[in-house]
Each structure stands twice: as structure tokens, then as C-alpha cells.
Amino acid sequence: MEDKIVKTSEIQIKVGLNENNLPIGMKWSAPDGQMDNAPASAFMLSLWDPKEKNTMKIDLWTKEMSIEEMKQFFHQTLLTMADTFEKATGETLICEDLRDYCYHFADKMQILPEE
């Protein structure tokens, strides 16, 4: 039995650009998530094209985003990807390996919390 769409939802990302088409401000909205024009400094969007069997992606960040913030952003994104992949596939062992790598990444980037 095929699922029937009973509702649609929208996520909107607005990107302000300078005269060189570089991002200088971003805001995102998701009414179902109670977000309305929330500020953002970076985003990574990946979409799977089932026909082409390929990933389409957009990665943007503002020049105001510091390198330290980018390190944190990547670390948190990698951890989230491990969680999502495990939830979607049940592949616990490889996800633990990915989380181990995330710890290694944080250690190398010197972003681990002080003990």
C-alpha cells in the first residue's frame, strides 16, 4: 500500500547576498517547527535525487562565521549524521566508528570541552 500525502510543510531559507553574490546574512523559517526568520550563519543542504541516484547539495556560510564556529558546526553536523544514519539503517557498529571519528575530529580541532 502506497502512502498518501495528507499534508505539506515548508522550510524556507533566505540568503542575503552582497554585490559579489557572497552570502552576508541568512534567515530560515519552518512554521511546523515554530521557527520564523531565525538567523543562521551557515547551512549544508543535501538532497537525494532518486532518478539520478546522486546527491545534490548546497553549502553556504557568511564571512562573519569564525573558524572556531565552523569547527563546531562540522563536529555537530558529523555527530548528527551518525545519529541519522543509525536511525535510518540500524547500522550501529559503523555509526559508533563515525562517532569515534567525531571525537578524533574534535580532539584535532581542539574543540573538546575542558575537563
Protein backbone atom coordinates (compact mmCIF):
# COMPACT_ATOMS: atom_id res chain seq x y z
CA MET A 1 0.00 0.00 0.00
CA GLU A 2 1.38 3.38 -1.02
CA ASP A 3 1.40 6.26 1.48
CA LYS A 4 -0.88 9.17 0.64
CA ILE A 5 0.22 12.77 1.23
CA VAL A 6 -2.14 14.24 3.80
CA LYS A 7 -0.26 17.48 4.48
CA THR A 8 2.63 19.52 3.15
CA SER A 9 5.16 21.50 5.12
CA GLU A 10 7.58 24.19 4.02
CA ILE A 11 11.10 25.14 5.08
CA GLN A 12 12.33 28.45 3.74
CA ILE A 13 15.89 29.78 3.67
CA LYS A 14 16.53 33.39 2.71
CA VAL A 15 20.09 34.30 1.77
CA GLY A 16 21.15 37.94 1.60
CA LEU A 17 23.93 38.49 -0.93
CA ASN A 18 26.43 41.28 -1.43
CA GLU A 19 27.38 42.79 -4.79
CA ASN A 20 29.70 39.78 -5.43
CA ASN A 21 26.88 37.29 -4.69
CA LEU A 22 28.54 36.21 -1.44
CA PRO A 23 26.24 35.39 1.49
CA ILE A 24 26.11 38.16 4.08
CA GLY A 25 23.02 37.15 6.03
CA MET A 26 20.73 34.17 6.29
CA LYS A 27 17.36 33.58 7.89
CA TRP A 28 15.27 30.44 7.94
CA SER A 29 11.67 29.68 8.68
CA ALA A 30 9.83 26.43 9.39
CA PRO A 31 6.27 27.10 10.57
CA ASP A 32 5.77 23.49 11.73
CA GLY A 33 8.90 23.86 13.87
CA GLN A 34 7.88 27.25 15.23
CA MET A 35 10.82 28.98 13.50
CA ASP A 36 10.26 32.34 11.87
CA ASN A 37 13.12 34.23 10.25
CA ALA A 38 15.68 32.76 12.67
CA PRO A 39 19.21 33.93 11.94
CA ALA A 40 21.83 31.49 10.64
CA SER A 41 25.50 31.84 9.75
CA ALA A 42 25.85 28.64 7.73
CA PHE A 43 23.90 25.74 6.31
CA MET A 44 24.51 22.50 4.48
CA LEU A 45 21.66 21.12 2.45
CA SER A 46 21.83 17.66 0.87
CA LEU A 47 19.03 16.22 -1.23
CA TRP A 48 18.93 12.74 -2.78
CA ASP A 49 17.89 12.59 -6.41
CA PRO A 50 16.30 9.13 -6.77
CA LYS A 51 16.29 9.28 -10.57
CA GLU A 52 19.97 10.18 -10.92
CA LYS A 53 20.95 8.29 -7.74
CA ASN A 54 23.09 11.22 -6.74
CA THR A 55 23.33 13.83 -4.02
CA MET A 56 22.57 17.46 -4.79
CA LYS A 57 23.95 19.88 -2.24
CA ILE A 58 24.39 23.48 -1.27
CA ASP A 59 26.87 24.65 1.36
CA LEU A 60 26.85 28.33 2.33
CA TRP A 61 28.30 30.38 5.17
CA THR A 62 28.74 34.05 5.90
CA LYS A 63 32.12 35.71 6.22
CA GLU A 64 31.22 36.60 9.81
CA MET A 65 31.25 32.92 10.78
CA SER A 66 34.51 32.33 12.61
CA ILE A 67 36.76 29.35 12.00
CA GLU A 68 36.03 28.20 15.58
CA GLU A 69 32.30 28.28 14.85
CA MET A 70 32.87 26.34 11.60
CA LYS A 71 34.80 23.67 13.52
CA GLN A 72 31.90 23.32 15.98
CA PHE A 73 29.36 23.32 13.14
CA PHE A 74 31.15 20.49 11.33
CA HIS A 75 31.63 18.48 14.51
CA GLN A 76 27.97 18.75 15.49
CA THR A 77 26.86 18.00 11.91
CA LEU A 78 29.00 14.86 11.75
CA LEU A 79 27.55 13.65 15.07
CA THR A 80 24.04 14.31 13.81
CA MET A 81 24.79 12.40 10.61
CA ALA A 82 25.86 9.38 12.68
CA ASP A 83 22.60 9.54 14.65
CA THR A 84 20.50 9.91 11.49
CA PHE A 85 22.29 7.10 9.66
CA GLU A 86 21.87 4.77 12.63
CA LYS A 87 18.17 5.61 12.94
CA ALA A 88 17.60 5.11 9.20
CA THR A 89 19.64 1.92 8.73
CA GLY A 90 20.19 0.30 12.14
CA GLU A 91 23.93 0.15 11.32
CA THR A 92 25.08 0.61 14.93
CA LEU A 93 28.70 -0.53 14.56
CA ILE A 94 29.66 1.79 11.72
CA CYS A 95 27.87 4.66 13.47
CA GLU A 96 29.96 4.03 16.59
CA ASP A 97 33.03 4.21 14.33
CA LEU A 98 31.79 7.53 12.96
CA ARG A 99 31.24 8.85 16.50
CA ASP A 100 34.80 7.74 17.37
CA TYR A 101 35.99 9.74 14.38
CA CYS A 102 33.95 12.72 15.60
CA TYR A 103 35.83 12.53 18.91
CA HIS A 104 39.12 12.39 16.96
CA PHE A 105 38.00 15.37 14.84
CA ALA A 106 37.11 17.39 17.97
CA ASP A 107 40.41 16.49 19.58
CA LYS A 108 42.42 17.51 16.49
CA MET A 109 40.42 20.73 16.13
CA GLN A 110 40.91 21.42 19.86
CA ILE A 111 37.20 21.90 20.47
CA LEU A 112 36.71 19.30 23.21
CA PRO A 113 35.25 20.75 26.40
CA GLU A 114 37.72 21.42 29.18
CA GLU A 115 37.65 18.77 31.90
